[in-house]
């Protein structure tokens, strides 16, 4: 077994890991990122959009160079009944030279581009590598072990996703409750560019996002989504593991029912399914965030449950948490203090940013929604549609009745 010595080791090639890699590499530190997939992005999945302002902090050139799909100019909220639906849209048109607030992307392309940017900055990315365990000396994390090598480092950043098997293996966090995790499934459906723009009423290069409640998900803690790409549509949904277990349905069955809903079916008619993927999402919010720093170690992104599920914010939180972890590592190495005394500044950075401030503000919302899902996500969507139907139809019955 050979040994590799470096300054920072990052486990996981998702948004948090790559943001940490590019930030630390730009500072001149020897940075190694280990990814178990064939390449960064080969197994990663999300609904489909990145937010412009936080992304510019990590990748200032992404607007000109990254593989973007469409600029998001419309957000539609769809409250679906069993067969009907009420759709409310917010349009944010831009001038030709304006930046969009968000862009739809496809993760295999986007993540590979991010990885190439990290490599340009000097990071060394090792794909197809499974990290089996963390290494400790005198209680301090000092590296990782794979099947064939040991990597020694001054700092380790765990960005290995919601499961974070390494954190669990070394008792750095408790088991995640089924109510605090959602399973998201998605299909990418190929459609001609002209049909997408016609069906979604879009100008060239503009895109739209649908946030969907109800339909086949009436009364359970689940929501759906649609994102438009250049020549495809991403459609999917997320449902908590607890509700999935009690539903007697598979995620695939939920998704197929959503695709058949009269408000959704015409949008994807005659499209060809090109990809089916699934991904776990931490939904526990502020109360489920574990301790994020230890001697020689920090936890970033989904591995730290850093997701604001009220606003569907995960990727931007992951990227910025990766950046903050790297900045803290840079500081610790410069001061030659790799203990929690310095690494606690990572949590301080998170608390001073919008990340933990927003998550704290919403700390009770998901619990309230989950315990009242039949009302919030069942009764109310159906009643809204019933009210709209009564308001719009004329049937010779007095309105008062």
Protein backbone atom coordinates (compact mmCIF):
# COMPACT_ATOMS: atom_id res chain seq x y z
CA UNK A 1 0.00 0.00 0.00
CA UNK A 2 1.44 3.38 -1.05
CA UNK A 3 1.08 6.69 0.76
CA UNK A 4 0.24 10.10 -0.68
CA UNK A 5 0.85 13.28 1.32
CA UNK A 6 -1.10 16.46 0.59
CA UNK A 7 -2.54 19.55 2.29
CA UNK A 8 -6.28 19.04 1.80
CA UNK A 9 -8.26 15.94 0.90
CA UNK A 10 -11.86 16.33 -0.27
CA UNK A 11 -14.15 13.31 -0.42
CA UNK A 12 -16.92 13.71 -3.01
CA UNK A 13 -17.08 15.40 -6.41
CA UNK A 14 -20.41 17.18 -6.08
CA UNK A 15 -21.02 20.95 -5.78
CA UNK A 16 -19.61 21.20 -2.24
CA UNK A 17 -16.51 19.14 -2.98
CA UNK A 18 -15.63 20.94 -6.18
CA UNK A 19 -16.17 24.37 -4.64
CA UNK A 20 -13.84 23.38 -1.81
CA UNK A 21 -11.30 22.04 -4.31
CA UNK A 22 -11.17 25.11 -6.52
CA UNK A 23 -11.03 27.47 -3.52
CA UNK A 24 -8.18 25.63 -1.79
CA UNK A 25 -6.25 25.00 -5.01
CA UNK A 26 -6.37 28.69 -5.95
CA UNK A 27 -4.70 29.47 -2.62
CA UNK A 28 -1.75 27.32 -3.62
CA UNK A 29 -2.45 24.39 -1.30
CA UNK A 30 -1.94 20.83 -2.52
CA UNK A 31 -5.50 19.63 -3.02
CA UNK A 32 -6.77 16.14 -3.82
CA UNK A 33 -10.44 15.36 -4.54
CA UNK A 34 -11.59 11.75 -4.53
CA UNK A 35 -14.76 10.81 -6.44
CA UNK A 36 -16.19 7.28 -6.51
CA UNK A 37 -18.07 7.80 -9.80
CA UNK A 38 -16.55 7.39 -13.26
CA UNK A 39 -16.27 11.18 -13.39
CA UNK A 40 -17.63 14.14 -11.43
CA UNK A 41 -21.31 14.29 -12.35
CA UNK A 42 -21.67 10.67 -13.47
CA UNK A 43 -23.97 9.83 -10.54
CA UNK A 44 -25.10 13.28 -9.42
CA UNK A 45 -28.68 14.47 -9.81
CA UNK A 46 -30.85 17.45 -9.02
CA UNK A 47 -34.00 19.03 -10.36
CA UNK A 48 -32.18 21.28 -12.64
CA UNK A 49 -31.05 24.84 -11.85
CA UNK A 50 -28.09 26.72 -10.40
CA UNK A 51 -28.40 30.21 -8.93
CA UNK A 52 -26.36 32.97 -10.52
CA UNK A 53 -25.12 35.06 -7.56
CA UNK A 54 -23.65 32.26 -5.40
CA UNK A 55 -22.28 30.47 -8.47
CA UNK A 56 -20.37 33.58 -9.54
CA UNK A 57 -18.58 33.49 -6.18
CA UNK A 58 -17.05 30.13 -7.07
CA UNK A 59 -16.91 30.28 -10.87
CA UNK A 60 -16.70 33.94 -12.00
CA UNK A 61 -16.43 32.85 -15.65
CA UNK A 62 -19.38 30.44 -15.73
CA UNK A 63 -21.76 32.71 -17.64
CA UNK A 64 -19.40 32.81 -20.61
CA UNK A 65 -17.87 29.35 -20.49
CA UNK A 66 -20.06 26.83 -18.64
CA UNK A 67 -22.48 24.42 -20.43
CA UNK A 68 -25.73 26.21 -19.53
CA UNK A 69 -29.14 25.15 -20.82
CA UNK A 70 -31.68 27.98 -20.35
CA UNK A 71 -31.93 31.16 -18.30
CA UNK A 72 -34.89 30.84 -15.93
CA UNK A 73 -37.31 33.69 -16.65
CA UNK A 74 -40.53 32.17 -15.29
CA UNK A 75 -41.46 30.25 -12.15
CA UNK A 76 -44.84 28.51 -12.13
CA UNK A 77 -46.52 27.10 -9.04
CA UNK A 78 -48.94 24.32 -9.92
CA UNK A 79 -51.55 23.26 -7.35
CA UNK A 80 -53.04 20.10 -8.80
CA UNK A 81 -56.24 18.30 -7.95
CA UNK A 82 -56.87 14.77 -9.12
CA UNK A 83 -57.71 15.94 -12.65
CA UNK A 84 -57.65 19.74 -12.56
CA UNK A 85 -55.07 22.35 -11.63
CA UNK A 86 -54.50 25.98 -10.66
CA UNK A 87 -51.28 27.45 -12.05
CA UNK A 88 -49.78 30.75 -10.89
CA UNK A 89 -46.70 32.11 -12.68
CA UNK A 90 -44.14 34.80 -11.96
CA UNK A 91 -42.37 36.21 -15.04
CA UNK A 92 -39.00 37.91 -14.79
CA UNK A 93 -38.07 38.81 -18.38
CA UNK A 94 -34.56 40.06 -19.00
CA UNK A 95 -32.92 42.28 -21.56
CA UNK A 96 -30.39 40.59 -23.89
CA UNK A 97 -27.36 41.58 -21.79
CA UNK A 98 -28.93 40.95 -18.36
CA UNK A 99 -28.04 38.01 -16.14
CA UNK A 100 -30.79 35.57 -15.27
CA UNK A 101 -31.32 34.79 -11.58
CA UNK A 102 -30.85 31.08 -12.33
CA UNK A 103 -29.94 28.74 -15.19
CA UNK A 104 -31.03 25.20 -15.89
CA UNK A 105 -28.13 22.77 -16.32
CA UNK A 106 -27.58 19.06 -16.81
CA UNK A 107 -25.36 17.67 -14.07
CA UNK A 108 -23.10 15.37 -16.14
CA UNK A 109 -22.09 18.35 -18.30
CA UNK A 110 -22.09 20.95 -15.53
CA UNK A 111 -20.15 18.91 -12.98
CA UNK A 112 -17.51 17.92 -15.52
CA UNK A 113 -17.00 21.56 -16.39
CA UNK A 114 -16.68 22.47 -12.69
CA UNK A 115 -14.15 19.67 -12.25
CA UNK A 116 -12.11 20.96 -15.18
CA UNK A 117 -12.08 24.42 -13.57
CA UNK A 118 -10.82 22.93 -10.31
CA UNK A 119 -8.08 21.08 -12.20
CA UNK A 120 -7.06 24.29 -13.98
CA UNK A 121 -6.71 25.87 -10.54
CA UNK A 122 -4.33 23.08 -9.53
CA UNK A 123 -6.56 20.50 -7.81
CA UNK A 124 -5.84 16.83 -8.45
CA UNK A 125 -9.06 14.85 -9.07
CA UNK A 126 -9.05 11.07 -8.65
CA UNK A 127 -12.24 9.42 -10.06
CA UNK A 128 -13.40 5.81 -9.62
CA UNK A 129 -12.05 5.81 -6.08
CA UNK A 130 -14.01 4.64 -3.06
CA UNK A 131 -12.85 5.98 0.29
CA UNK A 132 -13.19 3.15 2.80
CA UNK A 133 -12.35 4.94 6.04
CA UNK A 134 -10.87 7.99 7.68
CA UNK A 135 -7.45 7.92 9.32
CA UNK A 136 -6.94 9.31 12.83
CA UNK A 137 -3.91 9.98 15.00
CA UNK A 138 -4.32 11.10 18.61
CA UNK A 139 -7.98 11.90 17.94
CA UNK A 140 -7.25 14.09 14.91
CA UNK A 141 -8.29 13.17 11.37
CA UNK A 142 -5.12 12.95 9.30
CA UNK A 143 -6.24 11.44 6.01
CA UNK A 144 -8.23 8.69 4.31
CA UNK A 145 -7.79 5.11 3.19
CA UNK A 146 -8.89 3.52 -0.09
CA UNK A 147 -8.53 -0.11 -1.12
CA UNK A 148 -5.04 0.53 -2.48
CA UNK A 149 -3.67 3.70 -0.92
CA UNK A 150 -3.52 5.89 2.12
CA UNK A 151 -3.77 9.63 1.59
CA UNK A 152 -2.30 11.67 4.43
CA UNK A 153 -3.37 15.28 4.76
CA UNK A 154 -3.51 18.23 7.11
CA UNK A 155 -7.29 18.68 6.63
CA UNK A 156 -10.08 16.43 5.33
CA UNK A 157 -13.36 17.85 3.99
CA UNK A 158 -16.24 15.37 3.76
CA UNK A 159 -18.62 16.23 0.92
CA UNK A 160 -19.82 12.72 0.19
CA UNK A 161 -23.57 13.33 0.06
CA UNK A 162 -26.60 12.79 2.25
CA UNK A 163 -25.63 9.24 3.22
CA UNK A 164 -22.10 10.30 4.27
CA UNK A 165 -21.18 6.74 5.14
CA UNK A 166 -17.79 7.88 6.41
CA UNK A 167 -19.32 10.26 8.97
CA UNK A 168 -21.67 7.50 10.08
CA UNK A 169 -18.92 4.86 10.21
CA UNK A 170 -16.80 7.00 12.52
CA UNK A 171 -19.73 8.09 14.71
CA UNK A 172 -19.49 11.72 13.61
CA UNK A 173 -23.27 11.90 13.27
CA UNK A 174 -26.40 9.99 14.20
CA UNK A 175 -28.53 7.93 11.83
CA UNK A 176 -30.84 10.05 9.68
CA UNK A 177 -34.55 9.64 10.41
CA UNK A 178 -36.79 8.51 7.55
CA UNK A 179 -38.90 11.66 8.00
CA UNK A 180 -35.78 13.76 7.41
CA UNK A 181 -34.90 12.27 4.03
CA UNK A 182 -36.70 12.50 0.70
CA UNK A 183 -36.18 10.28 -2.31
CA UNK A 184 -36.22 12.31 -5.50
CA UNK A 185 -36.71 10.64 -8.88
CA UNK A 186 -36.35 12.33 -12.25
CA UNK A 187 -36.67 11.65 -15.94
CA UNK A 188 -35.00 13.66 -18.67
CA UNK A 189 -37.35 13.70 -21.64
CA UNK A 190 -36.06 14.67 -25.07
CA UNK A 191 -38.13 17.17 -27.06
CA UNK A 192 -37.28 19.45 -30.02
CA UNK A 193 -36.26 22.97 -29.04
CA UNK A 194 -39.18 24.49 -30.97
CA UNK A 195 -41.75 22.33 -29.17
CA UNK A 196 -40.38 23.26 -25.76
CA UNK A 197 -40.54 26.97 -26.55
CA UNK A 198 -44.03 26.65 -28.04
CA UNK A 199 -45.57 24.53 -25.25
CA UNK A 200 -44.04 26.54 -22.41
CA UNK A 201 -44.50 29.90 -24.19
CA UNK A 202 -40.81 30.75 -24.07
CA UNK A 203 -38.57 33.00 -26.10
CA UNK A 204 -35.33 31.53 -27.41
CA UNK A 205 -32.96 30.50 -24.58
CA UNK A 206 -35.50 31.45 -21.87
CA UNK A 207 -36.55 28.71 -19.50
CA UNK A 208 -39.15 27.95 -16.87
CA UNK A 209 -39.46 26.04 -13.62
CA UNK A 210 -42.60 24.33 -12.29
CA UNK A 211 -43.04 23.65 -8.57
CA UNK A 212 -45.85 21.12 -8.25
CA UNK A 213 -48.07 20.24 -5.29
CA UNK A 214 -50.92 17.76 -5.27
CA UNK A 215 -51.94 15.52 -8.15
CA UNK A 216 -50.75 11.97 -7.38
CA UNK A 217 -49.02 13.42 -4.28
CA UNK A 218 -52.19 14.76 -2.63
CA UNK A 219 -52.00 14.51 1.14
CA UNK A 220 -48.39 13.36 1.48
CA UNK A 221 -45.13 15.22 2.06
CA UNK A 222 -44.05 15.34 -1.57
CA UNK A 223 -43.57 17.89 -4.32
CA UNK A 224 -42.88 17.70 -8.03
CA UNK A 225 -40.87 19.77 -10.47
CA UNK A 226 -40.34 20.53 -14.15
CA UNK A 227 -37.29 22.28 -15.62
CA UNK A 228 -36.84 23.18 -19.27
CA UNK A 229 -33.49 22.57 -20.98
CA UNK A 230 -32.48 23.42 -24.54
CA UNK A 231 -33.73 20.17 -26.07
CA UNK A 232 -35.14 18.28 -23.11
CA UNK A 233 -37.43 18.62 -20.11
CA UNK A 234 -36.52 17.41 -16.63
CA UNK A 235 -39.53 16.17 -14.68
CA UNK A 236 -39.54 14.57 -11.27
CA UNK A 237 -40.69 14.60 -7.68
CA UNK A 238 -39.42 14.12 -4.16
CA UNK A 239 -41.25 12.26 -1.39
CA UNK A 240 -40.12 11.61 2.19
CA UNK A 241 -39.07 8.05 2.89
CA UNK A 242 -41.67 7.84 5.66
CA UNK A 243 -44.54 8.75 3.35
CA UNK A 244 -43.13 6.58 0.58
CA UNK A 245 -43.12 3.60 2.93
CA UNK A 246 -46.74 4.23 3.92
CA UNK A 247 -48.00 4.89 0.39
CA UNK A 248 -47.63 1.36 -1.03
CA UNK A 249 -46.37 2.95 -4.24
CA UNK A 250 -42.97 3.06 -5.87
CA UNK A 251 -41.39 6.42 -6.78
CA UNK A 252 -41.66 5.39 -10.43
CA UNK A 253 -45.43 4.93 -10.07
CA UNK A 254 -45.79 8.41 -8.54
CA UNK A 255 -43.79 9.90 -11.40
CA UNK A 256 -45.75 8.10 -14.12
CA UNK A 257 -49.02 9.33 -12.58
CA UNK A 258 -47.66 12.89 -12.49
CA UNK A 259 -46.72 12.65 -16.17
CA UNK A 260 -50.30 11.60 -16.98
CA UNK A 261 -51.93 14.51 -15.12
CA UNK A 262 -53.93 16.69 -17.57
CA UNK A 263 -51.98 19.82 -16.54
CA UNK A 264 -48.62 18.16 -17.22
CA UNK A 265 -49.17 15.60 -19.98
CA UNK A 266 -49.46 18.08 -22.90
CA UNK A 267 -46.12 19.64 -21.96
CA UNK A 268 -44.18 16.40 -22.51
CA UNK A 269 -46.34 14.73 -25.19
CA UNK A 270 -44.37 12.63 -27.70
CA UNK A 271 -41.15 13.13 -25.75
CA UNK A 272 -38.62 10.32 -25.42
CA UNK A 273 -37.24 9.38 -22.01
CA UNK A 274 -33.45 9.62 -22.22
CA UNK A 275 -32.51 9.23 -18.56
CA UNK A 276 -33.99 8.04 -15.27
CA UNK A 277 -32.22 8.87 -12.01
CA UNK A 278 -32.83 8.95 -8.28
CA UNK A 279 -31.22 10.77 -5.38
CA UNK A 280 -31.66 11.16 -1.63
CA UNK A 281 -32.19 14.68 -0.28
CA UNK A 282 -31.72 15.75 3.36
CA UNK A 283 -35.00 17.35 4.43
CA UNK A 284 -34.54 17.70 8.17
CA UNK A 285 -33.60 21.37 8.06
CA UNK A 286 -31.79 23.28 10.81
CA UNK A 287 -32.57 20.79 13.58
CA UNK A 288 -31.01 17.93 11.61
CA UNK A 289 -27.66 19.64 10.95
CA UNK A 290 -24.94 17.59 12.71
CA UNK A 291 -21.72 18.93 14.19
CA UNK A 292 -19.77 20.13 11.15
CA UNK A 293 -16.20 20.35 12.42
CA UNK A 294 -13.75 18.18 14.35
CA UNK A 295 -9.98 18.12 14.77
CA UNK A 296 -8.67 17.94 11.20
CA UNK A 297 -12.10 17.47 9.60
CA UNK A 298 -15.08 19.45 8.28
CA UNK A 299 -18.39 18.33 6.72
CA UNK A 300 -19.98 20.25 3.83
CA UNK A 301 -23.05 20.20 1.57
CA UNK A 302 -25.65 17.44 1.75
CA UNK A 303 -23.39 15.45 4.08
CA UNK A 304 -24.06 18.19 6.64
CA UNK A 305 -27.82 18.36 5.82
CA UNK A 306 -27.31 21.89 4.52
CA UNK A 307 -30.50 22.16 2.48
CA UNK A 308 -33.21 24.82 2.69
CA UNK A 309 -36.13 22.69 1.51
CA UNK A 310 -38.69 25.48 1.84
CA UNK A 311 -37.06 27.26 -1.11
CA UNK A 312 -35.61 24.15 -2.76
CA UNK A 313 -32.12 25.47 -2.15
CA UNK A 314 -29.44 22.82 -2.01
CA UNK A 315 -26.82 23.29 -4.71
CA UNK A 316 -26.03 26.90 -3.83
CA UNK A 317 -25.77 26.03 -0.13
CA UNK A 318 -23.49 23.14 -0.99
CA UNK A 319 -21.20 25.28 -3.13
CA UNK A 320 -20.87 28.03 -0.55
CA UNK A 321 -20.41 25.60 2.36
CA UNK A 322 -17.59 23.98 0.37
CA UNK A 323 -16.02 27.38 -0.16
CA UNK A 324 -16.33 28.28 3.54
CA UNK A 325 -14.81 24.94 4.56
CA UNK A 326 -11.86 25.53 2.22
CA UNK A 327 -11.35 29.09 3.48
CA UNK A 328 -11.29 27.75 7.04
CA UNK A 329 -8.81 25.04 6.04
CA UNK A 330 -6.56 27.64 4.42
CA UNK A 331 -6.68 29.70 7.61
CA UNK A 332 -5.95 26.67 9.80
CA UNK A 333 -2.95 25.57 7.75
CA UNK A 334 -1.56 29.11 7.64
CA UNK A 335 -1.83 29.38 11.44
CA UNK A 336 -0.58 25.81 11.95
CA UNK A 337 -3.64 24.98 14.06
CA UNK A 338 -5.60 22.08 12.61
CA UNK A 339 -7.81 21.56 15.65
CA UNK A 340 -11.42 22.47 16.35
CA UNK A 341 -10.18 25.69 17.91
CA UNK A 342 -9.64 27.06 14.39
CA UNK A 343 -11.99 24.84 12.39
CA UNK A 344 -14.97 26.09 14.41
CA UNK A 345 -14.63 29.21 12.25
CA UNK A 346 -16.26 27.15 9.50
CA UNK A 347 -19.49 27.05 11.50
CA UNK A 348 -19.04 30.74 12.29
CA UNK A 349 -18.87 31.51 8.57
CA UNK A 350 -22.04 29.49 7.97
CA UNK A 351 -23.86 31.31 10.79
CA UNK A 352 -22.79 34.73 9.51
CA UNK A 353 -24.00 33.86 5.99
CA UNK A 354 -27.59 33.49 4.81
CA UNK A 355 -27.25 29.68 4.97
CA UNK A 356 -27.80 28.99 8.65
CA UNK A 357 -29.75 32.23 9.17
CA UNK A 358 -32.38 31.07 6.67
CA UNK A 359 -32.36 27.50 7.92
CA UNK A 360 -32.87 28.72 11.48
CA UNK A 361 -35.78 30.95 10.39
CA UNK A 362 -37.50 27.93 8.82
CA UNK A 363 -36.52 25.45 11.54
CA UNK A 364 -40.14 24.53 12.44
CA UNK A 365 -41.81 24.67 9.05
CA UNK A 366 -41.10 21.17 7.73
CA UNK A 367 -42.25 19.56 10.97
CA UNK A 368 -45.49 21.54 10.77
CA UNK A 369 -46.04 20.58 7.13
CA UNK A 370 -45.27 16.90 7.74
CA UNK A 371 -47.66 16.66 10.68
CA UNK A 372 -50.38 18.45 8.69
CA UNK A 373 -49.64 17.10 5.21
CA UNK A 374 -53.22 15.94 4.63
CA UNK A 375 -54.35 19.55 5.08
CA UNK A 376 -51.52 21.59 3.52
CA UNK A 377 -50.75 19.22 0.65
CA UNK A 378 -54.13 17.55 0.23
CA UNK A 379 -57.22 19.41 1.44
CA UNK A 380 -56.08 22.93 0.49
CA UNK A 381 -54.91 22.19 -3.10
CA UNK A 382 -58.20 20.39 -3.76
CA UNK A 383 -60.25 23.23 -2.21
CA UNK A 384 -58.37 25.87 -4.20
CA UNK A 385 -59.17 24.01 -7.41
CA UNK A 386 -62.78 23.53 -6.32
CA UNK A 387 -63.09 27.27 -5.64
CA UNK A 388 -61.57 28.16 -9.02
CA UNK A 389 -63.94 25.77 -10.77
CA UNK A 390 -66.98 27.30 -9.03
CA UNK A 391 -65.75 30.83 -9.73
CA UNK A 392 -65.19 30.23 -13.45
CA UNK A 393 -68.13 28.02 -14.43
CA UNK A 394 -71.62 29.17 -15.33
CA UNK A 395 -74.31 26.61 -14.60
CA UNK A 396 -77.54 28.62 -14.11
CA UNK A 397 -77.29 28.20 -10.32
CA UNK A 398 -77.30 31.45 -8.29
CA UNK A 399 -73.79 32.39 -7.22
CA UNK A 400 -74.79 32.62 -3.57
CA UNK A 401 -75.81 28.97 -3.62
